[in-house]
Amino acid sequence: MKNPFIGYILQRILQCIVVILIGTTVTFVIPRLVPATNPVETAIARAQMIGQYTDPKAVDEMRRVLTKLYGLEGTVFQQYVRYWGSLLRGDFGPSFSSFPTPVMTLIRVSLSWTAGLLLVTTILSWIIGTFLGGLAGYFGEKPWARTLEIIANTIRPIPYYIMALLMLILFSYVIPLFPRGGAFAIGLTPTFSWQFIRSVIIHAFLPALSLIVVGIGGWFQNMRILVSNVIREDYVVYAETLNISSRDILYKYVMRNAFLPQLTGLALQLGMIFSGALITEAVFNYPGLGFLAYTAILRGDYSLIMGITFFSIVAIAVGALIIDLLYPLFDPRVRYT
C-alpha cells in the first residue's frame, strides 16, 4: 500500500520545484523584454566618455569580451541554457553596474543588512500584532479592544514609505534624535566592537520602527478577524457552556485555531526577506537588498536583478514548502493525503 506521507511530501516538493522553474524562467525573460540600453554598449559608451578604447579594434574586442562575460552570446535559448548552468554553479557573473564585482558578492553583503533588519522587524511585528489581535478579537466588546482596533485601522492603510518618511522627518529633522540615513557612522570599520554595534542599532532604529508599526497593524487586523470567526464555532460555544475558563478557551481553543493562517503568512513574509524593503531602504539610504534591487532596475543590471529575484523566489517557495510539510503537525484536521 502506498505510503500517504511519502506521497504528500513528493507532491509538495514537486510543486516547489515547478514554482522555482517557472519563476526563474520569467525572471530571465522579463529583463530582456524591457526596452533598456544594451549593457555591453553602455559599458563601452561609459569607457569612451573618459577617453578609453577609442580605437575601433579595441572597441570590437571589448564588445566581444563583455558579451561573453555577461553571458549574452548566442540566441536567447543558448543564453537560457548557460544561465541555468551558472545557477547550478552559484555563479551569476559580474554586475553590469558595479563591474567587475560579482553579483553574489553584492547580494551577500546586502543580504546581511536586510536580514538583520527584516528578520527582527517581521518577527516582532508578527508576535505583537498576532497576540494583540487575538485578545482584541476575543474581547471585542471591551473599550480597550475597540481602542486598539481604531489604532490598527488608522495605521494599517499607511504605506511603508509614508511611515518611513514621517519617522525620518519627525525624529531626524524636527527632533534630531537619530541619523538621517546609512547603516553606521561614517569612518567606522565593521567590527564586533560595541561602538560599531551601537552605531548599527541607532541607524537601524527608524527603519525598523517604521516597518514594525505598519506590520503590527496588518497582523493585528488579520488575527482579530480570524478570532472573530473562530469564537462563533460550535466547539467554542460548547466549551463556554461547560464553564471552561475564558483563559483556557482563548489560548487552547480560539488562538490555537486562528493562529494557523498567521503562521502561513509569517513563513511567506520571511521568504520575502530576499526582496528587501525597497522603499524603506531607499528613504533611509540603507544598504540592503531592496536598495540594491532598486539600483539594479534603474541601471538595467539584469544579472543583479535575476540574482536577487532568484533567491527571493527560492526563499518564498521553500518557505511555503516547509509550511505545507509542517501544517499537519499544527492542525490535526489536515492529513498527509
Foldseek 3Di string as FASTA:
>chain_A
DDDLQVVLLVVLVVVLVVLLVVLLVCLLPVLVPDPDDDLQVVVLVVQVVVPPDPDPVSSVVSSVVVCVQQLVPDDSVSSVVVCVVCVVVVFLGAWSVPPPHGLVVLQVVQLVQLCVQQVVLLVLLLVLLLVLLLVLLLPVVDPVSVVVLVLLVVQQVDDLLNLLVVLLCVDCPVNNPADQAEQFDPPDDDDPDPNGVVRNCRLSVSLSVSSSRNSSSVSSVLNSVQLNVQCPDPVNVVCVVVVDDPVCSSPVRRSLVSCLVSLLVSLLSSLQSLCGPQSSCVRRVYSHNNVVCVVCVVVSRSSSVSVSSSSSSSSNSVSNSVSSSCVCVSPVVDDSD
